[in-house]
Every structure is written in C-alpha cells, then in structure tokens.
C-alpha cells in the first residue's frame, strides 16, 4: 500500500510535508491566510467573528514588546510566529494536545523549526525569549478568556495565573481579511 499523504497544498502552490517540513515550502502569505481563519477557543467566543490565531499572535507580540521593551525586532518576529504551525494543524485546545501526547508537540516543533529557518531565525527559540513568549501567551489567554470566552476572572486566574500586563487592552474579533492584513503588515515591519 502506498504511504498516506502527509503534505498540505497551500494557496501559494507550495506543498508542505507535515512529517518532514522544508523551510523552502513555507510562505508568509500562507501562514497569514491560515492563521486568520483558525479560531481560538474552538470558536467559542463572543462577537460577530471568531477571534483568530492571527489576532492572538499579534496580541502576544505586543505583550512581549510591553514586557521587554528592548527586545530586538528579530525576536519580536519569533513572538509573532510563536503559533505559526497552527496555519496547517489548527489551534488544538490544551486538553486535546494532552490527550494526543508528545507526538503532537514533536510535530509542532518540527513545523516551527522550518518556519523559523525560512525567516532567518534559529530553529529553537532561545530560553529567555521562550519564557517571555510563554508569559505573554498566558496573559493573552487570560484576556481572551475573560473578554471573549465567558470565563470569570477568578476562573481565568486559576487557569492562567494572575495577569496584570495588558489589562487595559480591549479585544474585538475582526473579519479574517482584516486579521490577515494586520498580521502581514506587522510581519513586514519586523522583517525590515
């Protein structure tokens, strides 16, 4: 029997092999398109539109910038791309990732390494930056949970920790095209 197909065809025409991803098959337009149409919280959010992973990525990058104002653009780009593998695998909720086990994380890490290499970043995020991104990601989750996903502040605090940075940020889900364009614009700024 032939091996099962393990590649995804992108709108750019690229074919990204999920088991052995090549940086040569990664295009920012494909990432932005995919992330703008992937819903956070499995779409269980308020508003006329889903809060997309593209919007979440922009929020995390902004929070990293606030937490560490001297962060070079190169590392802010890594923050923007922290969930980029989700353009092909979707946004799996944490309980589902736990149920799948370590194989899922390995797949996600291979995809992220290829994405990083494509955009001249090291395949593995430096530890200090990874901690800042994780902190920003938890803050973003807290903001999304309390503003869009129906969590009480006490429930969100229990799950994501006490978050103080960004409390004044108000989240509004936007149409996929707006999210894609904002993601591409920020990518262009950070890539200059």
N, C-alpha and C. Protein backbone atom coordinates (compact mmCIF):
# COMPACT_ATOMS: atom_id res chain seq x y z
N UNK A 1 0.84 -1.19 0.00
CA UNK A 1 0.00 0.00 0.00
C UNK A 1 0.88 1.24 0.00
N UNK A 2 0.48 2.26 -0.74
CA UNK A 2 1.27 3.49 -0.74
C UNK A 2 1.15 4.18 0.62
N UNK A 3 2.21 4.92 0.96
CA UNK A 3 2.21 5.68 2.22
C UNK A 3 1.11 6.74 2.17
N UNK A 4 0.46 7.00 3.31
CA UNK A 4 -0.57 8.03 3.31
C UNK A 4 0.02 9.40 3.01
N UNK A 5 -0.78 10.24 2.37
CA UNK A 5 -0.34 11.60 2.03
C UNK A 5 -0.09 12.37 3.32
N UNK A 6 1.08 13.01 3.42
CA UNK A 6 1.42 13.77 4.62
C UNK A 6 1.70 15.23 4.30
N UNK A 7 1.29 15.69 3.12
CA UNK A 7 1.53 17.09 2.76
C UNK A 7 0.21 17.83 2.61
N UNK A 8 0.30 19.12 2.80
CA UNK A 8 -0.86 20.03 2.65
C UNK A 8 -0.54 20.99 1.52
N UNK A 9 -1.42 21.11 0.56
CA UNK A 9 -1.25 22.08 -0.52
C UNK A 9 -1.73 23.44 -0.04
N UNK A 10 -0.91 24.46 -0.27
CA UNK A 10 -1.23 25.82 0.15
C UNK A 10 -1.72 26.62 -1.05
N UNK A 11 -2.36 27.75 -0.77
CA UNK A 11 -2.83 28.61 -1.86
C UNK A 11 -1.69 29.12 -2.72
N UNK A 12 -0.49 29.23 -2.15
CA UNK A 12 0.67 29.67 -2.92
C UNK A 12 1.11 28.62 -3.93
N UNK A 13 0.59 27.40 -3.80
CA UNK A 13 1.01 26.30 -4.65
C UNK A 13 2.04 25.41 -3.97
N UNK A 14 2.59 25.85 -2.85
CA UNK A 14 3.56 25.04 -2.09
C UNK A 14 2.86 23.82 -1.51
N UNK A 15 3.65 22.76 -1.34
CA UNK A 15 3.17 21.56 -0.67
C UNK A 15 4.05 21.34 0.55
N UNK A 16 3.48 21.56 1.70
CA UNK A 16 4.22 21.43 2.95
C UNK A 16 4.06 20.03 3.51
N UNK A 17 5.17 19.30 3.62
CA UNK A 17 5.17 17.97 4.20
C UNK A 17 5.14 18.11 5.71
N UNK A 18 4.09 17.63 6.35
CA UNK A 18 3.95 17.79 7.79
C UNK A 18 4.93 16.92 8.58
N UNK A 19 5.36 15.81 7.99
CA UNK A 19 6.29 14.93 8.69
C UNK A 19 7.75 15.35 8.52
N UNK A 20 8.04 16.02 7.42
CA UNK A 20 9.41 16.49 7.14
C UNK A 20 9.33 17.86 6.47
N UNK A 21 8.93 18.89 7.23
CA UNK A 21 8.70 20.20 6.63
C UNK A 21 10.00 20.87 6.18
N UNK A 22 9.96 21.45 5.00
CA UNK A 22 11.10 22.17 4.46
C UNK A 22 10.85 23.68 4.55
N UNK A 23 11.83 24.44 4.99
CA UNK A 23 11.68 25.90 5.00
C UNK A 23 11.35 26.47 3.62
N UNK A 24 11.76 25.76 2.57
CA UNK A 24 11.51 26.23 1.21
C UNK A 24 10.03 26.18 0.83
N UNK A 25 9.24 25.43 1.61
CA UNK A 25 7.82 25.31 1.33
C UNK A 25 6.96 26.19 2.23
N UNK A 26 7.60 27.10 2.95
CA UNK A 26 6.90 27.99 3.88
C UNK A 26 6.82 29.38 3.27
N UNK A 27 5.61 29.92 3.19
CA UNK A 27 5.39 31.28 2.68
C UNK A 27 4.57 32.06 3.71
N UNK A 28 4.95 33.30 3.95
CA UNK A 28 4.26 34.10 4.97
C UNK A 28 2.80 34.33 4.59
N UNK A 29 2.51 34.46 3.30
CA UNK A 29 1.11 34.66 2.89
C UNK A 29 0.25 33.46 3.25
N UNK A 30 0.81 32.24 3.13
CA UNK A 30 0.08 31.04 3.52
C UNK A 30 -0.16 31.02 5.03
N UNK A 31 0.87 31.40 5.78
CA UNK A 31 0.74 31.44 7.24
C UNK A 31 -0.35 32.43 7.63
N UNK A 32 -0.28 33.63 7.08
CA UNK A 32 -1.26 34.67 7.42
C UNK A 32 -2.68 34.24 7.03
N UNK A 33 -2.82 33.63 5.87
CA UNK A 33 -4.13 33.17 5.41
C UNK A 33 -4.69 32.12 6.38
N UNK A 34 -3.87 31.14 6.69
CA UNK A 34 -4.33 30.08 7.58
C UNK A 34 -4.66 30.59 8.97
N UNK A 35 -3.73 31.36 9.58
CA UNK A 35 -3.95 31.83 10.95
C UNK A 35 -5.15 32.76 11.05
N UNK A 36 -5.43 33.50 9.99
CA UNK A 36 -6.57 34.43 10.04
C UNK A 36 -7.91 33.70 10.01
N UNK A 37 -7.88 32.43 9.65
CA UNK A 37 -9.12 31.65 9.54
C UNK A 37 -9.22 30.54 10.59
N UNK A 38 -8.21 30.46 11.46
CA UNK A 38 -8.26 29.47 12.54
C UNK A 38 -8.76 30.18 13.79
N UNK A 39 -9.80 29.64 14.38
CA UNK A 39 -10.43 30.27 15.54
C UNK A 39 -9.77 29.81 16.84
N UNK A 40 -9.51 30.78 17.70
CA UNK A 40 -9.09 30.46 19.07
C UNK A 40 -10.31 29.93 19.82
N UNK A 41 -10.07 29.18 20.86
CA UNK A 41 -11.12 28.66 21.73
C UNK A 41 -12.17 27.85 20.96
N UNK A 42 -11.73 27.22 19.86
CA UNK A 42 -12.63 26.44 19.00
C UNK A 42 -13.85 27.24 18.57
N UNK A 43 -13.68 28.55 18.46
CA UNK A 43 -14.77 29.41 18.01
C UNK A 43 -15.79 29.75 19.09
N UNK A 44 -15.55 29.30 20.30
CA UNK A 44 -16.50 29.54 21.39
C UNK A 44 -16.21 30.90 22.04
N UNK A 45 -16.36 31.94 21.24
CA UNK A 45 -16.12 33.31 21.70
C UNK A 45 -17.26 34.20 21.26
N UNK A 46 -17.41 35.31 21.96
CA UNK A 46 -18.45 36.28 21.60
C UNK A 46 -17.97 37.15 20.45
N UNK A 47 -18.93 37.78 19.80
CA UNK A 47 -18.60 38.68 18.69
C UNK A 47 -19.11 38.13 17.37
N UNK A 48 -19.09 38.98 16.36
CA UNK A 48 -19.58 38.59 15.05
C UNK A 48 -18.61 37.66 14.31
N UNK A 49 -17.35 37.69 14.71
CA UNK A 49 -16.31 36.89 14.07
C UNK A 49 -15.58 36.09 15.14
N UNK A 50 -14.94 35.03 14.73
CA UNK A 50 -14.07 34.28 15.64
C UNK A 50 -12.83 35.13 15.94
N UNK A 51 -12.29 34.97 17.12
CA UNK A 51 -11.00 35.59 17.44
C UNK A 51 -9.94 34.65 16.89
N UNK A 52 -9.24 35.10 15.87
CA UNK A 52 -8.35 34.21 15.12
C UNK A 52 -6.97 34.08 15.78
N UNK A 53 -6.27 33.05 15.37
CA UNK A 53 -4.89 32.85 15.82
C UNK A 53 -4.02 33.99 15.30
N UNK A 54 -4.35 34.57 14.15
CA UNK A 54 -3.59 35.73 13.67
C UNK A 54 -3.72 36.89 14.65
N UNK A 55 -4.92 37.16 15.14
CA UNK A 55 -5.11 38.22 16.13
C UNK A 55 -4.39 37.88 17.43
N UNK A 56 -4.49 36.63 17.85
CA UNK A 56 -3.79 36.18 19.06
C UNK A 56 -2.28 36.39 18.91
N UNK A 57 -1.74 36.06 17.76
CA UNK A 57 -0.30 36.20 17.52
C UNK A 57 0.13 37.66 17.61
N UNK A 58 -0.68 38.55 17.06
CA UNK A 58 -0.41 39.98 17.16
C UNK A 58 -0.45 40.45 18.61
N UNK A 59 -1.40 39.93 19.37
CA UNK A 59 -1.53 40.28 20.78
C UNK A 59 -0.32 39.80 21.56
N UNK A 60 0.12 38.58 21.33
CA UNK A 60 1.29 38.04 22.05
C UNK A 60 2.53 38.86 21.72
N UNK A 61 2.71 39.20 20.46
CA UNK A 61 3.88 40.01 20.08
C UNK A 61 3.83 41.36 20.79
N UNK A 62 2.66 41.98 20.85
CA UNK A 62 2.51 43.27 21.54
C UNK A 62 2.84 43.13 23.03
N UNK A 63 2.39 42.05 23.64
CA UNK A 63 2.64 41.84 25.07
C UNK A 63 4.12 41.58 25.35
N UNK A 64 4.80 40.85 24.46
CA UNK A 64 6.25 40.66 24.62
C UNK A 64 6.95 42.00 24.54
N UNK A 65 6.52 42.84 23.60
CA UNK A 65 7.11 44.18 23.45
C UNK A 65 6.91 45.00 24.72
N UNK A 66 5.76 44.87 25.35
CA UNK A 66 5.49 45.61 26.59
C UNK A 66 6.31 45.06 27.76
N UNK A 67 6.40 43.73 27.83
CA UNK A 67 7.15 43.10 28.92
C UNK A 67 8.64 43.36 28.82
N UNK A 68 9.15 43.37 27.59
CA UNK A 68 10.58 43.56 27.34
C UNK A 68 10.75 44.58 26.22
N UNK A 69 10.65 45.89 26.57
CA UNK A 69 10.66 46.94 25.54
C UNK A 69 11.91 46.99 24.68
N UNK A 70 13.01 46.44 25.15
CA UNK A 70 14.26 46.48 24.37
C UNK A 70 14.43 45.26 23.48
N UNK A 71 13.40 44.46 23.32
CA UNK A 71 13.50 43.25 22.51
C UNK A 71 13.73 43.62 21.05
N UNK A 72 14.80 43.08 20.44
CA UNK A 72 15.06 43.36 19.02
C UNK A 72 13.95 42.81 18.12
N UNK A 73 13.79 43.43 16.97
CA UNK A 73 12.76 43.04 16.00
C UNK A 73 12.83 41.56 15.65
N UNK A 74 14.03 41.03 15.54
CA UNK A 74 14.22 39.61 15.21
C UNK A 74 13.46 38.73 16.19
N UNK A 75 13.56 39.07 17.48
CA UNK A 75 12.91 38.24 18.50
C UNK A 75 11.42 38.54 18.61
N UNK A 76 11.03 39.77 18.28
CA UNK A 76 9.59 40.07 18.21
C UNK A 76 8.95 39.28 17.08
N UNK A 77 9.70 39.09 15.99
CA UNK A 77 9.22 38.27 14.89
C UNK A 77 8.99 36.83 15.38
N UNK A 78 9.89 36.31 16.19
CA UNK A 78 9.70 34.97 16.76
C UNK A 78 8.43 34.93 17.61
N UNK A 79 8.17 36.00 18.35
CA UNK A 79 6.94 36.07 19.15
C UNK A 79 5.71 36.07 18.24
N UNK A 80 5.76 36.84 17.16
CA UNK A 80 4.64 36.89 16.22
C UNK A 80 4.38 35.50 15.62
N UNK A 81 5.43 34.75 15.38
CA UNK A 81 5.32 33.44 14.73
C UNK A 81 5.18 32.28 15.72
N UNK A 82 4.99 32.58 17.00
CA UNK A 82 5.02 31.51 18.01
C UNK A 82 3.97 30.42 17.78
N UNK A 83 2.85 30.74 17.20
CA UNK A 83 1.82 29.75 16.90
C UNK A 83 1.68 29.49 15.40
N UNK A 84 2.67 29.86 14.63
CA UNK A 84 2.59 29.73 13.17
C UNK A 84 2.29 28.30 12.69
N UNK A 85 2.76 27.24 13.36
CA UNK A 85 2.40 25.90 12.87
C UNK A 85 0.89 25.67 12.78
N UNK A 86 0.13 26.44 13.51
CA UNK A 86 -1.32 26.27 13.50
C UNK A 86 -1.94 26.63 12.16
N UNK A 87 -1.17 27.23 11.25
CA UNK A 87 -1.73 27.52 9.93
C UNK A 87 -2.00 26.24 9.16
N UNK A 88 -1.36 25.13 9.56
CA UNK A 88 -1.64 23.85 8.91
C UNK A 88 -2.27 22.83 9.85
N UNK A 89 -2.03 22.92 11.15
CA UNK A 89 -2.57 21.91 12.07
C UNK A 89 -3.76 22.41 12.87
N UNK A 90 -4.09 23.68 12.77
CA UNK A 90 -5.20 24.24 13.52
C UNK A 90 -4.79 24.56 14.95
N UNK A 91 -5.69 25.14 15.69
CA UNK A 91 -5.44 25.51 17.09
C UNK A 91 -6.06 24.44 17.97
N UNK A 92 -5.24 23.51 18.36
CA UNK A 92 -5.71 22.45 19.25
C UNK A 92 -5.79 22.98 20.67
N UNK A 93 -6.90 22.76 21.33
CA UNK A 93 -7.01 23.21 22.72
C UNK A 93 -6.09 22.34 23.59
N UNK A 94 -5.60 22.92 24.67
CA UNK A 94 -4.64 22.25 25.54
C UNK A 94 -5.10 20.86 25.99
N UNK A 95 -6.37 20.67 26.40
CA UNK A 95 -6.78 19.32 26.81
C UNK A 95 -6.62 18.29 25.69
N UNK A 96 -6.85 18.70 24.44
CA UNK A 96 -6.72 17.77 23.32
C UNK A 96 -5.24 17.45 23.07
N UNK A 97 -4.37 18.46 23.15
CA UNK A 97 -2.93 18.23 22.99
C UNK A 97 -2.45 17.24 24.04
N UNK A 98 -2.94 17.38 25.26
CA UNK A 98 -2.55 16.46 26.33
C UNK A 98 -3.00 15.04 26.02
N UNK A 99 -4.19 14.91 25.46
CA UNK A 99 -4.71 13.58 25.12
C UNK A 99 -3.91 12.92 24.01
N UNK A 100 -3.44 13.72 23.05
CA UNK A 100 -2.65 13.17 21.94
C UNK A 100 -1.28 12.74 22.42
N UNK A 101 -0.68 13.54 23.29
CA UNK A 101 0.62 13.19 23.86
C UNK A 101 1.79 13.88 23.17
N UNK A 102 3.00 13.39 23.45
CA UNK A 102 4.21 14.07 23.00
C UNK A 102 4.42 14.08 21.49
N UNK A 103 3.78 13.16 20.75
CA UNK A 103 3.94 13.15 19.30
C UNK A 103 3.45 14.44 18.67
N UNK A 104 2.36 14.98 19.21
CA UNK A 104 1.83 16.23 18.67
C UNK A 104 2.84 17.36 18.86
N UNK A 105 3.44 17.46 20.03
CA UNK A 105 4.41 18.51 20.31
C UNK A 105 5.63 18.38 19.39
N UNK A 106 6.05 17.16 19.12
CA UNK A 106 7.19 16.94 18.22
C UNK A 106 6.86 17.43 16.80
N UNK A 107 5.65 17.13 16.33
CA UNK A 107 5.21 17.60 15.01
C UNK A 107 5.19 19.12 14.97
N UNK A 108 4.60 19.71 16.00
CA UNK A 108 4.52 21.18 16.08
C UNK A 108 5.93 21.80 16.10
N UNK A 109 6.85 21.21 16.84
CA UNK A 109 8.22 21.73 16.93
C UNK A 109 8.95 21.63 15.59
N UNK A 110 8.73 20.53 14.84
CA UNK A 110 9.35 20.41 13.51
C UNK A 110 8.84 21.50 12.58
N UNK A 111 7.53 21.74 12.63
CA UNK A 111 6.95 22.80 11.79
C UNK A 111 7.50 24.16 12.17
N UNK A 112 7.57 24.44 13.47
CA UNK A 112 8.07 25.74 13.92
C UNK A 112 9.53 25.92 13.54
N UNK A 113 10.33 24.88 13.62
CA UNK A 113 11.74 24.97 13.23
C UNK A 113 11.87 25.34 11.75
N UNK A 114 11.06 24.70 10.90
CA UNK A 114 11.10 25.02 9.47
C UNK A 114 10.67 26.46 9.22
N UNK A 115 9.65 26.91 9.94
CA UNK A 115 9.17 28.29 9.80
C UNK A 115 10.26 29.26 10.24
N UNK A 116 10.87 28.99 11.37
CA UNK A 116 11.95 29.86 11.86
C UNK A 116 13.09 29.93 10.85
N UNK A 117 13.51 28.79 10.34
CA UNK A 117 14.62 28.78 9.37
C UNK A 117 14.26 29.57 8.11
N UNK A 118 13.01 29.47 7.69
CA UNK A 118 12.56 30.20 6.50
C UNK A 118 12.73 31.71 6.67
N UNK A 119 12.55 32.19 7.91
CA UNK A 119 12.61 33.63 8.15
C UNK A 119 13.85 34.04 8.95
N UNK A 120 14.93 33.26 8.79
CA UNK A 120 16.26 33.58 9.33
C UNK A 120 16.29 33.65 10.86
N UNK A 121 15.49 32.83 11.50
CA UNK A 121 15.51 32.71 12.96
C UNK A 121 16.11 31.35 13.31
N UNK A 122 16.69 31.22 14.50
CA UNK A 122 17.20 29.91 14.88
C UNK A 122 16.04 28.91 15.01
N UNK A 123 16.29 27.63 14.72
CA UNK A 123 15.20 26.66 14.75
C UNK A 123 14.56 26.50 16.13
N UNK A 124 15.34 26.73 17.18
CA UNK A 124 14.82 26.64 18.54
C UNK A 124 14.88 28.04 19.17
N UNK A 125 13.79 28.47 19.76
CA UNK A 125 13.72 29.79 20.40
C UNK A 125 14.61 29.80 21.64
N UNK A 126 15.46 30.83 21.79
CA UNK A 126 16.29 30.93 22.99
C UNK A 126 15.42 30.90 24.26
N UNK A 127 15.95 30.27 25.30
CA UNK A 127 15.20 30.01 26.53
C UNK A 127 14.57 31.27 27.14
N UNK A 128 15.33 32.35 27.27
CA UNK A 128 14.79 33.57 27.89
C UNK A 128 13.64 34.13 27.07
N UNK A 129 13.80 34.15 25.75
CA UNK A 129 12.73 34.62 24.88
C UNK A 129 11.52 33.70 24.96
N UNK A 130 11.77 32.39 24.99
CA UNK A 130 10.66 31.43 25.10
C UNK A 130 9.85 31.67 26.38
N UNK A 131 10.54 32.01 27.47
CA UNK A 131 9.83 32.31 28.72
C UNK A 131 8.98 33.57 28.58
N UNK A 132 9.51 34.60 27.94
CA UNK A 132 8.75 35.85 27.74
C UNK A 132 7.54 35.59 26.85
N UNK A 133 7.73 34.79 25.79
CA UNK A 133 6.61 34.46 24.90
C UNK A 133 5.56 33.67 25.67
N UNK A 134 5.98 32.72 26.49
CA UNK A 134 5.04 31.92 27.28
C UNK A 134 4.25 32.81 28.24
N UNK A 135 4.94 33.76 28.88
CA UNK A 135 4.25 34.68 29.79
C UNK A 135 3.23 35.52 29.02
N UNK A 136 3.63 36.03 27.88
CA UNK A 136 2.72 36.83 27.05
C UNK A 136 1.56 35.98 26.55
N UNK A 137 1.82 34.73 26.20
CA UNK A 137 0.80 33.81 25.72
C UNK A 137 -0.24 33.55 26.81
N UNK A 138 0.22 33.37 28.05
CA UNK A 138 -0.69 33.15 29.18
C UNK A 138 -1.52 34.42 29.45
N UNK A 139 -0.88 35.58 29.33
CA UNK A 139 -1.61 36.84 29.51
C UNK A 139 -2.67 36.99 28.41
N UNK A 140 -2.29 36.68 27.17
CA UNK A 140 -3.25 36.74 26.06
C UNK A 140 -4.42 35.79 26.32
N UNK A 141 -4.11 34.58 26.78
CA UNK A 141 -5.17 33.61 27.07
C UNK A 141 -6.10 34.14 28.16
N UNK A 142 -5.54 34.76 29.19
CA UNK A 142 -6.35 35.34 30.26
C UNK A 142 -7.28 36.42 29.70
N UNK A 143 -6.73 37.33 28.89
CA UNK A 143 -7.54 38.40 28.30
C UNK A 143 -8.64 37.84 27.40
N UNK A 144 -8.28 36.88 26.56
CA UNK A 144 -9.25 36.27 25.67
C UNK A 144 -10.33 35.53 26.46
N UNK A 145 -9.90 34.78 27.47
CA UNK A 145 -10.84 34.00 28.28
C UNK A 145 -11.86 34.90 28.96
N UNK A 146 -11.39 36.00 29.55
CA UNK A 146 -12.30 36.86 30.32
C UNK A 146 -13.11 37.79 29.44
N UNK A 147 -12.57 38.22 28.31
CA UNK A 147 -13.28 39.17 27.46
C UNK A 147 -14.14 38.51 26.37
N UNK A 148 -13.73 37.32 25.94
CA UNK A 148 -14.40 36.73 24.78
C UNK A 148 -14.98 35.34 25.01
N UNK A 149 -14.39 34.56 25.91
CA UNK A 149 -14.76 33.15 26.03
C UNK A 149 -15.62 32.83 27.25
N UNK A 150 -16.09 33.85 27.97
CA UNK A 150 -17.05 33.62 29.04
C UNK A 150 -16.48 33.16 30.37
N UNK A 151 -15.16 33.22 30.56
CA UNK A 151 -14.56 32.83 31.83
C UNK A 151 -14.69 33.97 32.84
N UNK A 152 -14.91 33.62 34.07
CA UNK A 152 -14.86 34.64 35.13
C UNK A 152 -13.39 34.97 35.40
N UNK A 153 -13.11 36.16 35.92
CA UNK A 153 -11.71 36.49 36.25
C UNK A 153 -11.08 35.48 37.21
N UNK A 154 -11.84 34.99 38.18
CA UNK A 154 -11.26 34.05 39.15
C UNK A 154 -10.93 32.70 38.48
N UNK A 155 -11.80 32.25 37.58
CA UNK A 155 -11.54 31.00 36.87
C UNK A 155 -10.32 31.15 35.95
N UNK A 156 -10.26 32.26 35.23
CA UNK A 156 -9.12 32.51 34.34
C UNK A 156 -7.83 32.65 35.12
N UNK A 157 -7.89 33.30 36.27
CA UNK A 157 -6.70 33.45 37.13
C UNK A 157 -6.21 32.08 37.58
N UNK A 158 -7.13 31.19 37.93
CA UNK A 158 -6.76 29.85 38.38
C UNK A 158 -6.09 29.07 37.24
N UNK A 159 -6.56 29.24 36.02
CA UNK A 159 -6.02 28.50 34.88
C UNK A 159 -4.75 29.12 34.28
N UNK A 160 -4.69 30.46 34.24
CA UNK A 160 -3.62 31.14 33.52
C UNK A 160 -2.72 31.98 34.41
N UNK A 161 -3.06 32.09 35.69
CA UNK A 161 -2.28 32.91 36.62
C UNK A 161 -2.79 34.34 36.64
N UNK A 162 -2.34 35.09 37.63
CA UNK A 162 -2.71 36.50 37.75
C UNK A 162 -1.99 37.28 36.66
N UNK A 163 -2.76 37.98 35.87
CA UNK A 163 -2.19 38.77 34.77
C UNK A 163 -2.44 40.25 35.03
N UNK A 164 -1.40 41.03 34.97
CA UNK A 164 -1.56 42.47 35.17
C UNK A 164 -1.21 43.25 33.91
N UNK A 165 -0.26 42.74 33.14
CA UNK A 165 0.14 43.43 31.91
C UNK A 165 -1.00 43.35 30.90
N UNK A 166 -1.33 44.48 30.30
CA UNK A 166 -2.31 44.49 29.23
C UNK A 166 -3.76 44.51 29.66
N UNK A 167 -4.01 44.74 30.96
CA UNK A 167 -5.41 44.72 31.43
C UNK A 167 -6.27 45.76 30.71
N UNK A 168 -5.64 46.83 30.21
CA UNK A 168 -6.42 47.87 29.54
C UNK A 168 -6.72 47.53 28.08
N UNK A 169 -6.11 46.48 27.56
CA UNK A 169 -6.34 46.08 26.17
C UNK A 169 -7.75 45.52 26.03
N UNK A 170 -8.47 46.01 25.04
CA UNK A 170 -9.81 45.52 24.76
C UNK A 170 -9.77 44.75 23.44
N UNK A 171 -10.25 43.53 23.47
CA UNK A 171 -10.18 42.65 22.31
C UNK A 171 -11.49 42.68 21.53
N UNK A 172 -11.37 42.78 20.22
CA UNK A 172 -12.52 42.76 19.33
C UNK A 172 -12.19 41.84 18.16
N UNK A 173 -12.89 40.75 18.02
CA UNK A 173 -12.67 39.89 16.86
C UNK A 173 -12.97 40.65 15.56
N UNK A 174 -12.14 40.41 14.56
CA UNK A 174 -12.31 41.07 13.26
C UNK A 174 -12.46 40.02 12.17
N UNK A 175 -12.87 40.48 11.00
CA UNK A 175 -13.01 39.60 9.84
C UNK A 175 -11.66 38.99 9.49
N UNK A 176 -11.66 37.79 8.92
CA UNK A 176 -10.40 37.14 8.57
C UNK A 176 -9.48 37.99 7.69
N UNK A 177 -10.03 38.70 6.71
CA UNK A 177 -9.17 39.52 5.83
C UNK A 177 -8.47 40.62 6.61
N UNK A 178 -9.17 41.22 7.58
CA UNK A 178 -8.54 42.26 8.41
C UNK A 178 -7.42 41.66 9.26
N UNK A 179 -7.67 40.50 9.84
CA UNK A 179 -6.66 39.84 10.66
C UNK A 179 -5.45 39.46 9.81
N UNK A 180 -5.69 38.91 8.62
CA UNK A 180 -4.59 38.54 7.72
C UNK A 180 -3.75 39.76 7.36
N UNK A 181 -4.42 40.84 6.98
CA UNK A 181 -3.69 42.04 6.56
C UNK A 181 -2.89 42.66 7.71
N UNK A 182 -3.46 42.66 8.91
CA UNK A 182 -2.74 43.20 10.07
C UNK A 182 -1.53 42.33 10.40
N UNK A 183 -1.69 41.01 10.30
CA UNK A 183 -0.58 40.09 10.55
C UNK A 183 0.54 40.32 9.53
N UNK A 184 0.18 40.42 8.24
CA UNK A 184 1.18 40.65 7.20
C UNK A 184 1.88 42.00 7.38
N UNK A 185 1.13 43.01 7.77
CA UNK A 185 1.72 44.34 7.98
C UNK A 185 2.74 44.31 9.11
N UNK A 186 2.39 43.64 10.21
CA UNK A 186 3.32 43.58 11.33
C UNK A 186 4.54 42.73 10.98
N UNK A 187 4.33 41.64 10.24
CA UNK A 187 5.45 40.84 9.77
C UNK A 187 6.40 41.70 8.94
N UNK A 188 5.87 42.50 8.03
CA UNK A 188 6.70 43.36 7.18
C UNK A 188 7.49 44.35 8.02
N UNK A 189 6.86 44.95 9.04
CA UNK A 189 7.56 45.90 9.91
C UNK A 189 8.72 45.22 10.64
N UNK A 190 8.47 44.05 11.15
CA UNK A 190 9.50 43.36 11.93
C UNK A 190 10.60 42.76 11.06
N UNK A 191 10.30 42.53 9.78
CA UNK A 191 11.28 41.93 8.88
C UNK A 191 12.20 42.92 8.21
N UNK A 192 11.90 44.21 8.36
CA UNK A 192 12.71 45.24 7.70
C UNK A 192 14.14 45.25 8.23
